[in-house]
N, C-alpha and C. Protein backbone atom coordinates (compact mmCIF):
# COMPACT_ATOMS: atom_id res chain seq x y z
N MET A 1 3.30 -2.47 -5.40
CA MET A 1 1.95 -3.03 -5.30
C MET A 1 1.89 -4.32 -6.11
N ASN A 2 1.28 -5.35 -5.56
CA ASN A 2 1.17 -6.62 -6.24
C ASN A 2 0.01 -6.58 -7.23
N LEU A 3 0.34 -6.59 -8.53
CA LEU A 3 -0.68 -6.54 -9.56
C LEU A 3 -0.78 -7.85 -10.32
N HIS A 4 -0.29 -8.94 -9.70
CA HIS A 4 -0.30 -10.22 -10.39
C HIS A 4 -1.72 -10.78 -10.49
N HIS A 5 -2.46 -10.76 -9.38
CA HIS A 5 -3.80 -11.33 -9.37
C HIS A 5 -4.72 -10.52 -10.28
N GLY A 6 -5.32 -11.18 -11.23
CA GLY A 6 -6.22 -10.48 -12.15
C GLY A 6 -5.51 -9.53 -13.09
N ALA A 7 -4.25 -9.84 -13.45
CA ALA A 7 -3.45 -8.92 -14.26
C ALA A 7 -4.09 -8.63 -15.61
N ARG A 8 -4.66 -9.64 -16.26
CA ARG A 8 -5.27 -9.42 -17.58
C ARG A 8 -6.46 -8.47 -17.47
N LEU A 9 -7.29 -8.66 -16.45
CA LEU A 9 -8.43 -7.76 -16.27
C LEU A 9 -7.96 -6.35 -15.98
N LEU A 10 -6.89 -6.25 -15.20
CA LEU A 10 -6.34 -4.93 -14.88
C LEU A 10 -5.85 -4.24 -16.15
N ASP A 11 -5.11 -4.97 -17.00
CA ASP A 11 -4.61 -4.39 -18.23
C ASP A 11 -5.75 -3.91 -19.13
N ASP A 12 -6.85 -4.66 -19.16
CA ASP A 12 -8.00 -4.26 -19.97
C ASP A 12 -8.64 -2.98 -19.46
N HIS A 13 -8.51 -2.74 -18.15
CA HIS A 13 -9.16 -1.59 -17.51
C HIS A 13 -8.30 -0.33 -17.56
N LEU A 14 -6.97 -0.48 -17.52
CA LEU A 14 -6.09 0.68 -17.42
C LEU A 14 -6.00 1.45 -18.74
N PRO A 15 -5.82 2.77 -18.66
CA PRO A 15 -5.59 3.55 -19.88
C PRO A 15 -4.32 3.10 -20.59
N ALA A 16 -4.24 3.36 -21.88
CA ALA A 16 -3.12 2.87 -22.69
C ALA A 16 -1.78 3.45 -22.26
N ASP A 17 -1.79 4.65 -21.65
CA ASP A 17 -0.52 5.28 -21.28
C ASP A 17 -0.02 4.87 -19.90
N VAL A 18 -0.71 3.94 -19.24
CA VAL A 18 -0.24 3.42 -17.95
C VAL A 18 0.72 2.26 -18.20
N VAL A 19 1.88 2.32 -17.57
CA VAL A 19 2.89 1.28 -17.73
C VAL A 19 2.85 0.35 -16.52
N ARG A 20 2.70 -0.96 -16.76
CA ARG A 20 2.74 -1.94 -15.69
C ARG A 20 4.02 -2.75 -15.85
N SER A 21 4.89 -2.67 -14.87
CA SER A 21 6.17 -3.37 -14.92
C SER A 21 6.03 -4.74 -14.26
N VAL A 22 6.43 -5.79 -14.96
CA VAL A 22 6.31 -7.16 -14.46
C VAL A 22 7.68 -7.63 -13.95
N GLU A 23 7.72 -8.07 -12.71
CA GLU A 23 8.95 -8.57 -12.11
C GLU A 23 8.97 -10.10 -12.21
N ALA A 24 9.83 -10.61 -13.06
CA ALA A 24 9.92 -12.06 -13.25
C ALA A 24 11.36 -12.40 -13.65
N PRO A 25 11.89 -13.53 -13.17
CA PRO A 25 11.21 -14.53 -12.35
C PRO A 25 11.21 -14.19 -10.85
N ASP A 26 12.00 -13.18 -10.43
CA ASP A 26 12.09 -12.86 -9.01
C ASP A 26 11.49 -11.49 -8.72
N ALA A 27 10.88 -11.36 -7.53
CA ALA A 27 10.42 -10.05 -7.06
C ALA A 27 11.65 -9.17 -6.81
N LEU A 28 11.60 -7.94 -7.24
CA LEU A 28 12.76 -7.06 -7.18
C LEU A 28 12.82 -6.18 -5.94
N GLY A 29 11.73 -6.09 -5.18
CA GLY A 29 11.70 -5.11 -4.11
C GLY A 29 11.49 -3.72 -4.71
N THR A 30 11.27 -2.73 -3.86
CA THR A 30 10.93 -1.41 -4.37
C THR A 30 12.10 -0.75 -5.09
N ALA A 31 13.31 -0.85 -4.53
CA ALA A 31 14.47 -0.25 -5.21
C ALA A 31 14.72 -0.93 -6.54
N GLY A 32 14.66 -2.25 -6.57
CA GLY A 32 14.87 -2.97 -7.81
C GLY A 32 13.81 -2.68 -8.85
N ALA A 33 12.57 -2.51 -8.41
CA ALA A 33 11.49 -2.18 -9.34
C ALA A 33 11.72 -0.81 -9.98
N LEU A 34 12.16 0.15 -9.17
CA LEU A 34 12.47 1.47 -9.74
C LEU A 34 13.68 1.39 -10.67
N GLY A 35 14.65 0.53 -10.32
CA GLY A 35 15.78 0.32 -11.21
C GLY A 35 15.34 -0.22 -12.56
N ALA A 36 14.38 -1.14 -12.54
CA ALA A 36 13.86 -1.70 -13.79
C ALA A 36 13.13 -0.66 -14.63
N LEU A 37 12.58 0.35 -13.97
CA LEU A 37 11.83 1.41 -14.66
C LEU A 37 12.69 2.66 -14.93
N ARG A 38 13.97 2.57 -14.65
CA ARG A 38 14.82 3.76 -14.70
C ARG A 38 14.81 4.42 -16.09
N ALA A 39 14.90 3.63 -17.15
CA ALA A 39 14.89 4.21 -18.50
C ALA A 39 13.56 4.91 -18.79
N TRP A 40 12.47 4.35 -18.29
CA TRP A 40 11.16 4.96 -18.50
C TRP A 40 11.01 6.23 -17.66
N ILE A 41 11.52 6.22 -16.43
CA ILE A 41 11.45 7.41 -15.56
C ILE A 41 12.26 8.54 -16.17
N ASP A 42 13.46 8.23 -16.68
CA ASP A 42 14.24 9.11 -17.54
C ASP A 42 14.39 10.53 -17.01
N GLY A 43 14.93 10.65 -15.79
CA GLY A 43 15.24 11.97 -15.26
C GLY A 43 14.13 12.65 -14.47
N ARG A 44 12.96 12.05 -14.46
CA ARG A 44 11.84 12.67 -13.75
C ARG A 44 11.86 12.31 -12.27
N THR A 45 11.14 13.09 -11.49
CA THR A 45 10.97 12.75 -10.08
C THR A 45 9.91 11.66 -9.95
N VAL A 46 9.89 10.98 -8.81
CA VAL A 46 9.00 9.84 -8.61
C VAL A 46 8.13 10.06 -7.38
N LEU A 47 6.82 9.88 -7.54
CA LEU A 47 5.90 9.78 -6.41
C LEU A 47 5.61 8.30 -6.22
N LEU A 48 6.00 7.78 -5.08
CA LEU A 48 5.90 6.36 -4.79
C LEU A 48 4.85 6.14 -3.70
N THR A 49 3.94 5.20 -3.91
CA THR A 49 2.96 4.87 -2.88
C THR A 49 2.87 3.36 -2.72
N ASN A 50 2.68 2.90 -1.50
CA ASN A 50 2.46 1.49 -1.23
C ASN A 50 0.99 1.17 -1.43
N GLY A 51 0.72 0.10 -2.18
CA GLY A 51 -0.66 -0.27 -2.44
C GLY A 51 -1.38 -0.84 -1.23
N ASP A 52 -0.65 -1.21 -0.18
CA ASP A 52 -1.29 -1.82 0.98
C ASP A 52 -1.33 -0.88 2.19
N ALA A 53 -1.22 0.41 1.95
CA ALA A 53 -1.35 1.40 3.03
C ALA A 53 -2.71 2.08 2.90
N TRP A 54 -3.45 2.15 4.03
CA TRP A 54 -4.75 2.84 4.03
C TRP A 54 -4.65 4.10 4.86
N PHE A 55 -5.14 5.21 4.29
CA PHE A 55 -5.15 6.49 4.98
C PHE A 55 -6.58 7.01 5.07
N GLY A 56 -6.86 7.72 6.16
CA GLY A 56 -8.13 8.40 6.28
C GLY A 56 -8.23 9.56 5.30
N PRO A 57 -9.40 10.15 5.17
CA PRO A 57 -9.63 11.18 4.15
C PRO A 57 -8.91 12.50 4.40
N THR A 58 -8.26 12.66 5.55
CA THR A 58 -7.58 13.93 5.83
C THR A 58 -6.19 14.00 5.17
N LEU A 59 -5.73 12.92 4.56
CA LEU A 59 -4.44 12.97 3.88
C LEU A 59 -4.53 13.89 2.66
N ASP A 60 -3.69 14.91 2.62
CA ASP A 60 -3.68 15.89 1.52
C ASP A 60 -2.46 15.62 0.65
N MET A 61 -2.63 14.78 -0.37
CA MET A 61 -1.52 14.43 -1.24
C MET A 61 -1.06 15.64 -2.06
N ALA A 62 -1.99 16.51 -2.42
CA ALA A 62 -1.62 17.69 -3.20
C ALA A 62 -0.64 18.56 -2.42
N ASP A 63 -0.90 18.75 -1.13
CA ASP A 63 0.01 19.55 -0.32
C ASP A 63 1.33 18.83 -0.10
N PHE A 64 1.28 17.51 0.06
CA PHE A 64 2.50 16.72 0.22
C PHE A 64 3.45 16.94 -0.96
N VAL A 65 2.89 17.01 -2.15
CA VAL A 65 3.70 17.22 -3.36
C VAL A 65 4.07 18.69 -3.51
N ARG A 66 3.10 19.58 -3.32
CA ARG A 66 3.32 21.01 -3.58
C ARG A 66 4.38 21.61 -2.65
N SER A 67 4.41 21.16 -1.42
CA SER A 67 5.33 21.76 -0.45
C SER A 67 6.72 21.12 -0.44
N TRP A 68 6.98 20.20 -1.33
CA TRP A 68 8.27 19.51 -1.40
C TRP A 68 9.33 20.42 -2.01
N ASP A 69 10.57 20.36 -1.49
CA ASP A 69 11.66 21.19 -2.01
C ASP A 69 12.29 20.62 -3.27
N GLN A 70 11.90 19.42 -3.69
CA GLN A 70 12.37 18.75 -4.90
C GLN A 70 13.86 18.43 -4.87
N GLU A 71 14.45 18.48 -3.71
CA GLU A 71 15.87 18.14 -3.56
C GLU A 71 16.08 16.95 -2.61
N ARG A 72 15.45 17.00 -1.45
CA ARG A 72 15.60 15.91 -0.49
C ARG A 72 14.59 14.80 -0.79
N VAL A 73 14.95 13.59 -0.38
CA VAL A 73 13.98 12.50 -0.40
C VAL A 73 12.93 12.80 0.66
N ARG A 74 11.67 12.79 0.27
CA ARG A 74 10.58 13.12 1.20
C ARG A 74 9.79 11.85 1.50
N LEU A 75 9.68 11.50 2.79
CA LEU A 75 8.98 10.31 3.23
C LEU A 75 7.87 10.69 4.19
N LEU A 76 6.65 10.36 3.86
CA LEU A 76 5.54 10.61 4.77
C LEU A 76 5.64 9.64 5.94
N CYS A 77 5.49 10.15 7.16
CA CYS A 77 5.66 9.34 8.36
C CYS A 77 4.49 9.52 9.31
N VAL A 78 4.33 8.57 10.20
CA VAL A 78 3.38 8.67 11.30
C VAL A 78 4.16 8.51 12.61
N PRO A 79 3.69 9.13 13.70
CA PRO A 79 4.36 8.92 15.00
C PRO A 79 4.20 7.46 15.44
N ASP A 80 5.31 6.83 15.81
CA ASP A 80 5.27 5.44 16.26
C ASP A 80 6.57 5.15 17.01
N SER A 81 6.55 5.38 18.32
CA SER A 81 7.76 5.21 19.12
C SER A 81 8.18 3.75 19.22
N ARG A 82 7.23 2.82 19.03
CA ARG A 82 7.55 1.39 19.16
C ARG A 82 8.14 0.80 17.89
N ARG A 83 7.68 1.29 16.72
CA ARG A 83 8.15 0.71 15.46
C ARG A 83 8.75 1.78 14.54
N GLY A 84 9.35 2.79 15.11
CA GLY A 84 9.88 3.88 14.31
C GLY A 84 11.03 3.46 13.40
N ASP A 85 11.06 4.01 12.21
CA ASP A 85 12.16 3.78 11.27
C ASP A 85 13.22 4.87 11.41
N PHE A 86 12.77 6.06 11.79
CA PHE A 86 13.66 7.21 11.94
C PHE A 86 13.33 7.86 13.28
N GLY A 87 13.97 7.34 14.34
CA GLY A 87 13.62 7.80 15.68
C GLY A 87 12.22 7.36 16.03
N ASP A 88 11.36 8.31 16.37
CA ASP A 88 9.97 8.00 16.73
C ASP A 88 9.03 8.08 15.53
N LEU A 89 9.57 8.18 14.35
CA LEU A 89 8.73 8.30 13.14
C LEU A 89 8.82 7.02 12.31
N ARG A 90 7.66 6.58 11.85
CA ARG A 90 7.57 5.38 11.03
C ARG A 90 7.14 5.76 9.62
N TYR A 91 7.89 5.32 8.63
CA TYR A 91 7.51 5.54 7.23
C TYR A 91 6.18 4.84 6.96
N CYS A 92 5.26 5.56 6.31
CA CYS A 92 3.92 4.99 6.13
C CYS A 92 3.52 4.79 4.68
N GLY A 93 4.49 4.78 3.77
CA GLY A 93 4.16 4.28 2.44
C GLY A 93 3.98 5.29 1.34
N VAL A 94 4.34 6.56 1.54
CA VAL A 94 4.27 7.56 0.47
C VAL A 94 5.59 8.30 0.44
N ALA A 95 6.20 8.39 -0.74
CA ALA A 95 7.52 9.01 -0.85
C ALA A 95 7.63 9.83 -2.13
N LEU A 96 8.45 10.87 -2.07
CA LEU A 96 8.84 11.63 -3.25
C LEU A 96 10.35 11.50 -3.40
N LEU A 97 10.78 11.09 -4.59
CA LEU A 97 12.19 10.83 -4.84
C LEU A 97 12.70 11.70 -5.99
N PRO A 98 13.73 12.52 -5.74
CA PRO A 98 14.33 13.24 -6.86
C PRO A 98 15.09 12.26 -7.75
N TRP A 99 15.32 12.65 -8.99
CA TRP A 99 15.99 11.76 -9.95
C TRP A 99 17.35 11.29 -9.44
N ARG A 100 18.07 12.14 -8.71
CA ARG A 100 19.40 11.75 -8.24
C ARG A 100 19.34 10.53 -7.33
N ALA A 101 18.19 10.31 -6.65
CA ALA A 101 18.04 9.14 -5.77
C ALA A 101 17.60 7.90 -6.53
N VAL A 102 17.06 8.10 -7.73
CA VAL A 102 16.58 6.98 -8.54
C VAL A 102 17.66 6.50 -9.51
N ALA A 103 18.45 7.42 -10.02
CA ALA A 103 19.42 7.10 -11.07
C ALA A 103 20.37 5.96 -10.73
N PRO A 104 20.86 5.82 -9.47
CA PRO A 104 21.81 4.73 -9.17
C PRO A 104 21.17 3.36 -8.98
N LEU A 105 19.85 3.28 -8.94
CA LEU A 105 19.19 2.02 -8.61
C LEU A 105 19.29 1.02 -9.76
N LEU A 106 19.48 -0.25 -9.41
CA LEU A 106 19.62 -1.31 -10.40
C LEU A 106 18.43 -2.26 -10.34
N ALA A 107 18.17 -2.93 -11.46
CA ALA A 107 17.07 -3.89 -11.54
C ALA A 107 17.48 -5.22 -10.92
N GLU A 108 17.66 -5.21 -9.61
CA GLU A 108 18.03 -6.40 -8.86
C GLU A 108 17.31 -6.36 -7.52
N PRO A 109 17.06 -7.51 -6.90
CA PRO A 109 16.31 -7.52 -5.63
C PRO A 109 16.98 -6.62 -4.60
N SER A 110 16.26 -5.60 -4.16
CA SER A 110 16.83 -4.64 -3.21
C SER A 110 15.72 -3.73 -2.68
N GLY A 111 15.98 -3.18 -1.48
CA GLY A 111 15.03 -2.28 -0.84
C GLY A 111 15.55 -0.86 -0.83
N LEU A 112 14.66 0.09 -0.73
CA LEU A 112 15.06 1.50 -0.77
C LEU A 112 15.80 1.94 0.49
N TYR A 113 15.45 1.37 1.63
CA TYR A 113 16.17 1.78 2.84
C TYR A 113 17.65 1.41 2.71
N GLU A 114 17.92 0.19 2.30
CA GLU A 114 19.30 -0.28 2.19
C GLU A 114 20.06 0.45 1.08
N ARG A 115 19.42 0.70 -0.06
CA ARG A 115 20.10 1.26 -1.21
C ARG A 115 20.12 2.79 -1.24
N SER A 116 19.27 3.44 -0.45
CA SER A 116 19.18 4.89 -0.57
C SER A 116 18.91 5.59 0.76
N TRP A 117 17.84 5.21 1.44
CA TRP A 117 17.35 6.03 2.55
C TRP A 117 18.27 6.04 3.75
N ARG A 118 18.97 4.95 4.00
CA ARG A 118 19.90 4.92 5.13
C ARG A 118 21.00 5.96 4.92
N GLU A 119 21.53 6.03 3.71
CA GLU A 119 22.58 7.02 3.41
C GLU A 119 22.02 8.43 3.42
N GLU A 120 20.82 8.60 2.89
CA GLU A 120 20.18 9.92 2.91
C GLU A 120 19.98 10.39 4.35
N ALA A 121 19.57 9.48 5.22
CA ALA A 121 19.35 9.84 6.62
C ALA A 121 20.66 10.24 7.29
N SER A 122 21.72 9.47 7.06
CA SER A 122 23.00 9.78 7.69
C SER A 122 23.56 11.11 7.19
N GLY A 123 23.19 11.50 5.97
CA GLY A 123 23.66 12.76 5.42
C GLY A 123 22.72 13.93 5.69
N GLY A 124 21.66 13.68 6.48
CA GLY A 124 20.71 14.75 6.80
C GLY A 124 19.89 15.21 5.61
N ARG A 125 19.67 14.30 4.64
CA ARG A 125 18.97 14.68 3.42
C ARG A 125 17.55 14.11 3.33
N LEU A 126 17.00 13.68 4.45
CA LEU A 126 15.62 13.20 4.45
C LEU A 126 14.67 14.29 4.94
N ASP A 127 13.55 14.43 4.27
CA ASP A 127 12.47 15.31 4.69
C ASP A 127 11.35 14.40 5.19
N LEU A 128 10.96 14.55 6.46
CA LEU A 128 10.04 13.60 7.10
C LEU A 128 8.80 14.30 7.64
N PRO A 129 7.89 14.74 6.75
CA PRO A 129 6.64 15.32 7.25
C PRO A 129 5.80 14.26 7.94
N VAL A 130 4.99 14.71 8.91
CA VAL A 130 4.21 13.78 9.74
C VAL A 130 2.73 13.88 9.39
N PHE A 131 2.11 12.73 9.18
CA PHE A 131 0.67 12.62 8.99
C PHE A 131 0.06 12.18 10.31
N ASP A 132 -0.87 12.97 10.85
CA ASP A 132 -1.44 12.64 12.16
C ASP A 132 -2.87 12.13 12.06
N GLY A 133 -3.30 11.74 10.87
CA GLY A 133 -4.64 11.19 10.70
C GLY A 133 -4.64 9.67 10.75
N PRO A 134 -5.79 9.05 10.48
CA PRO A 134 -5.90 7.59 10.52
C PRO A 134 -5.03 6.92 9.46
N PHE A 135 -4.33 5.86 9.87
CA PHE A 135 -3.45 5.13 8.97
C PHE A 135 -3.41 3.67 9.41
N VAL A 136 -3.46 2.75 8.44
CA VAL A 136 -3.29 1.33 8.73
C VAL A 136 -2.36 0.74 7.67
N ASP A 137 -1.30 0.10 8.12
CA ASP A 137 -0.41 -0.65 7.24
C ASP A 137 -0.98 -2.06 7.14
N CYS A 138 -1.50 -2.41 5.98
CA CYS A 138 -2.22 -3.68 5.83
C CYS A 138 -1.26 -4.84 5.61
N ALA A 139 -0.39 -5.08 6.58
CA ALA A 139 0.62 -6.13 6.47
C ALA A 139 0.10 -7.49 6.89
N THR A 140 -1.02 -7.54 7.60
CA THR A 140 -1.58 -8.81 8.08
C THR A 140 -3.07 -8.83 7.77
N PRO A 141 -3.70 -10.00 7.79
CA PRO A 141 -5.15 -10.04 7.60
C PRO A 141 -5.90 -9.18 8.62
N GLY A 142 -5.42 -9.16 9.87
CA GLY A 142 -6.08 -8.33 10.88
C GLY A 142 -6.01 -6.85 10.54
N ASP A 143 -4.85 -6.42 10.02
CA ASP A 143 -4.72 -5.02 9.60
C ASP A 143 -5.63 -4.72 8.42
N TYR A 144 -5.71 -5.66 7.48
CA TYR A 144 -6.59 -5.49 6.32
C TYR A 144 -8.04 -5.32 6.75
N LEU A 145 -8.48 -6.15 7.70
CA LEU A 145 -9.84 -6.02 8.20
C LEU A 145 -10.03 -4.70 8.92
N ALA A 146 -9.05 -4.30 9.73
CA ALA A 146 -9.13 -3.03 10.46
C ALA A 146 -9.24 -1.85 9.51
N ALA A 147 -8.50 -1.88 8.40
CA ALA A 147 -8.57 -0.79 7.43
C ALA A 147 -9.95 -0.72 6.78
N ASN A 148 -10.51 -1.87 6.46
CA ASN A 148 -11.85 -1.89 5.86
C ASN A 148 -12.90 -1.38 6.84
N MET A 149 -12.77 -1.76 8.11
CA MET A 149 -13.74 -1.30 9.10
C MET A 149 -13.59 0.21 9.35
N ALA A 150 -12.36 0.70 9.33
CA ALA A 150 -12.15 2.15 9.49
C ALA A 150 -12.75 2.91 8.32
N ALA A 151 -12.59 2.39 7.12
CA ALA A 151 -13.11 3.07 5.93
C ALA A 151 -14.64 3.03 5.87
N SER A 152 -15.24 1.95 6.40
CA SER A 152 -16.69 1.78 6.29
C SER A 152 -17.45 2.25 7.53
N GLY A 153 -16.72 2.72 8.54
CA GLY A 153 -17.37 3.09 9.79
C GLY A 153 -17.82 1.89 10.60
N GLY A 154 -17.17 0.75 10.42
CA GLY A 154 -17.49 -0.44 11.19
C GLY A 154 -18.50 -1.36 10.55
N ARG A 155 -19.00 -0.99 9.38
CA ARG A 155 -19.98 -1.85 8.69
C ARG A 155 -19.25 -2.89 7.84
N SER A 156 -19.84 -4.04 7.69
CA SER A 156 -19.25 -5.07 6.84
C SER A 156 -19.12 -4.56 5.41
N VAL A 157 -18.06 -5.02 4.74
CA VAL A 157 -17.81 -4.64 3.36
C VAL A 157 -18.04 -5.88 2.50
N VAL A 158 -19.11 -5.85 1.72
CA VAL A 158 -19.52 -7.02 0.93
C VAL A 158 -19.55 -6.63 -0.53
N ASP A 159 -18.76 -7.29 -1.34
CA ASP A 159 -18.73 -6.99 -2.77
C ASP A 159 -20.10 -7.29 -3.39
N ALA A 160 -20.48 -6.47 -4.36
CA ALA A 160 -21.78 -6.64 -5.00
C ALA A 160 -21.92 -7.98 -5.69
N ARG A 161 -20.78 -8.60 -6.04
CA ARG A 161 -20.84 -9.91 -6.73
C ARG A 161 -20.76 -11.10 -5.77
N ALA A 162 -20.74 -10.81 -4.47
CA ALA A 162 -20.78 -11.89 -3.49
C ALA A 162 -22.21 -12.39 -3.32
N MET A 163 -22.35 -13.63 -2.87
CA MET A 163 -23.67 -14.22 -2.66
C MET A 163 -23.85 -14.47 -1.16
N VAL A 164 -24.69 -13.66 -0.53
CA VAL A 164 -24.95 -13.79 0.90
C VAL A 164 -26.41 -14.18 1.09
N ALA A 165 -26.65 -15.34 1.66
CA ALA A 165 -28.02 -15.83 1.85
C ALA A 165 -28.76 -14.94 2.84
N SER A 166 -30.07 -14.85 2.67
CA SER A 166 -30.87 -13.96 3.51
C SER A 166 -30.81 -14.36 4.98
N GLY A 167 -30.56 -15.62 5.28
CA GLY A 167 -30.49 -16.08 6.66
C GLY A 167 -29.09 -16.12 7.22
N ALA A 168 -28.11 -15.56 6.51
CA ALA A 168 -26.73 -15.54 6.99
C ALA A 168 -26.51 -14.30 7.85
N THR A 169 -25.54 -14.38 8.76
CA THR A 169 -25.16 -13.25 9.60
C THR A 169 -23.74 -12.82 9.25
N VAL A 170 -23.58 -11.55 8.89
CA VAL A 170 -22.26 -11.01 8.53
C VAL A 170 -22.05 -9.73 9.33
N GLN A 171 -21.11 -9.75 10.24
CA GLN A 171 -20.83 -8.58 11.08
C GLN A 171 -19.33 -8.28 11.07
N ARG A 172 -19.01 -7.01 10.89
CA ARG A 172 -17.62 -6.54 10.92
C ARG A 172 -16.72 -7.45 10.09
N SER A 173 -17.15 -7.75 8.89
CA SER A 173 -16.42 -8.68 8.03
C SER A 173 -16.28 -8.13 6.62
N VAL A 174 -15.37 -8.75 5.85
CA VAL A 174 -15.18 -8.43 4.44
C VAL A 174 -15.48 -9.68 3.63
N VAL A 175 -16.32 -9.52 2.60
CA VAL A 175 -16.67 -10.64 1.73
C VAL A 175 -16.30 -10.25 0.30
N TRP A 176 -15.38 -10.99 -0.29
CA TRP A 176 -14.88 -10.67 -1.62
C TRP A 176 -15.87 -11.08 -2.70
N ALA A 177 -15.62 -10.57 -3.91
CA ALA A 177 -16.42 -10.93 -5.08
C ALA A 177 -16.40 -12.44 -5.29
N ASP A 178 -17.54 -12.97 -5.73
CA ASP A 178 -17.69 -14.39 -6.06
C ASP A 178 -17.53 -15.30 -4.85
N SER A 179 -17.62 -14.75 -3.65
CA SER A 179 -17.63 -15.55 -2.43
C SER A 179 -19.06 -15.80 -2.00
N GLU A 180 -19.27 -16.83 -1.21
CA GLU A 180 -20.62 -17.22 -0.78
C GLU A 180 -20.68 -17.35 0.74
N VAL A 181 -21.75 -16.80 1.33
CA VAL A 181 -22.04 -17.00 2.75
C VAL A 181 -23.38 -17.71 2.80
N ALA A 182 -23.39 -18.93 3.30
CA ALA A 182 -24.55 -19.80 3.18
C ALA A 182 -25.62 -19.48 4.22
N GLU A 183 -26.79 -19.99 3.96
CA GLU A 183 -27.93 -19.87 4.87
C GLU A 183 -27.54 -20.37 6.27
N GLY A 184 -27.76 -19.54 7.29
CA GLY A 184 -27.47 -19.91 8.66
C GLY A 184 -26.02 -19.72 9.08
N GLU A 185 -25.16 -19.38 8.15
CA GLU A 185 -23.74 -19.20 8.49
C GLU A 185 -23.54 -17.87 9.20
N VAL A 186 -22.57 -17.84 10.12
CA VAL A 186 -22.27 -16.64 10.90
C VAL A 186 -20.81 -16.23 10.64
N LEU A 187 -20.62 -15.03 10.13
CA LEU A 187 -19.28 -14.46 9.94
C LEU A 187 -19.17 -13.22 10.81
N ILE A 188 -18.28 -13.25 11.77
CA ILE A 188 -18.02 -12.09 12.63
C ILE A 188 -16.51 -11.88 12.69
N ASP A 189 -16.07 -10.65 12.41
CA ASP A 189 -14.64 -10.33 12.39
C ASP A 189 -13.90 -11.33 11.51
N ALA A 190 -14.31 -11.39 10.26
CA ALA A 190 -13.78 -12.41 9.35
C ALA A 190 -13.57 -11.84 7.95
N ILE A 191 -12.77 -12.55 7.17
CA ILE A 191 -12.56 -12.24 5.76
C ILE A 191 -12.93 -13.50 4.98
N ARG A 192 -13.86 -13.38 4.06
CA ARG A 192 -14.25 -14.50 3.19
C ARG A 192 -13.75 -14.17 1.78
N ALA A 193 -12.87 -15.02 1.29
CA ALA A 193 -12.29 -14.82 -0.05
C ALA A 193 -12.43 -16.13 -0.81
N GLY A 194 -13.52 -16.27 -1.55
CA GLY A 194 -13.78 -17.53 -2.25
C GLY A 194 -13.93 -18.64 -1.23
N PRO A 195 -13.18 -19.74 -1.38
CA PRO A 195 -13.29 -20.85 -0.43
C PRO A 195 -12.53 -20.61 0.88
N LEU A 196 -11.78 -19.52 0.96
CA LEU A 196 -10.95 -19.25 2.14
C LEU A 196 -11.67 -18.33 3.11
N THR A 197 -11.62 -18.70 4.40
CA THR A 197 -12.14 -17.86 5.47
C THR A 197 -11.04 -17.61 6.49
N VAL A 198 -10.80 -16.35 6.79
CA VAL A 198 -9.82 -15.98 7.80
C VAL A 198 -10.57 -15.34 8.96
N LEU A 199 -10.47 -15.92 10.14
CA LEU A 199 -11.10 -15.36 11.33
C LEU A 199 -10.08 -14.54 12.10
N ILE A 200 -10.45 -13.30 12.41
CA ILE A 200 -9.54 -12.40 13.12
C ILE A 200 -9.92 -12.41 14.59
N ARG A 201 -8.99 -12.84 15.43
CA ARG A 201 -9.26 -12.94 16.85
C ARG A 201 -8.15 -12.25 17.63
N GLY A 202 -8.52 -11.61 18.74
CA GLY A 202 -7.54 -11.01 19.61
C GLY A 202 -7.09 -9.62 19.21
């Protein structure tokens, strides 16, 4: 998860026992990030989640953890025959990793599929439970807007610190904190982030 933006505010908000690992000067990728945290993980298992994955309320994380055998790498998947990572299943951003899968990782730019999951799959050591509820991988602005609309039931999501004029029109849009929508302005299927406006079409 990218915690660079607003890092100081985030540090002020987080409890003292939360560890935030900073990747500098290069981004390490997920495998490299775990390699950098290896001494801190220190033999424990890892629950890994992608910060840009949105799930509907039917996702039961407690059951995902409780029913794990604690031996195989467990990857939550969704059915996706077009973009499947493992046959017709697509990894959707939540994983449980035993220490044996974390211990070899190094603090260098690398991904988990290349460094671990490909070999685990070939050895039949992957556990791939399927989530059949709502899921959006927020890889694009359009996906980000779709996730917000799914979470809000189609209503615009406007931060309380945004300034929206009474004569402005905002439909199916996201307006970030400290953003402004002027009198007479129309935002439909859009993201307003400060001075930046992204229109989602098609």
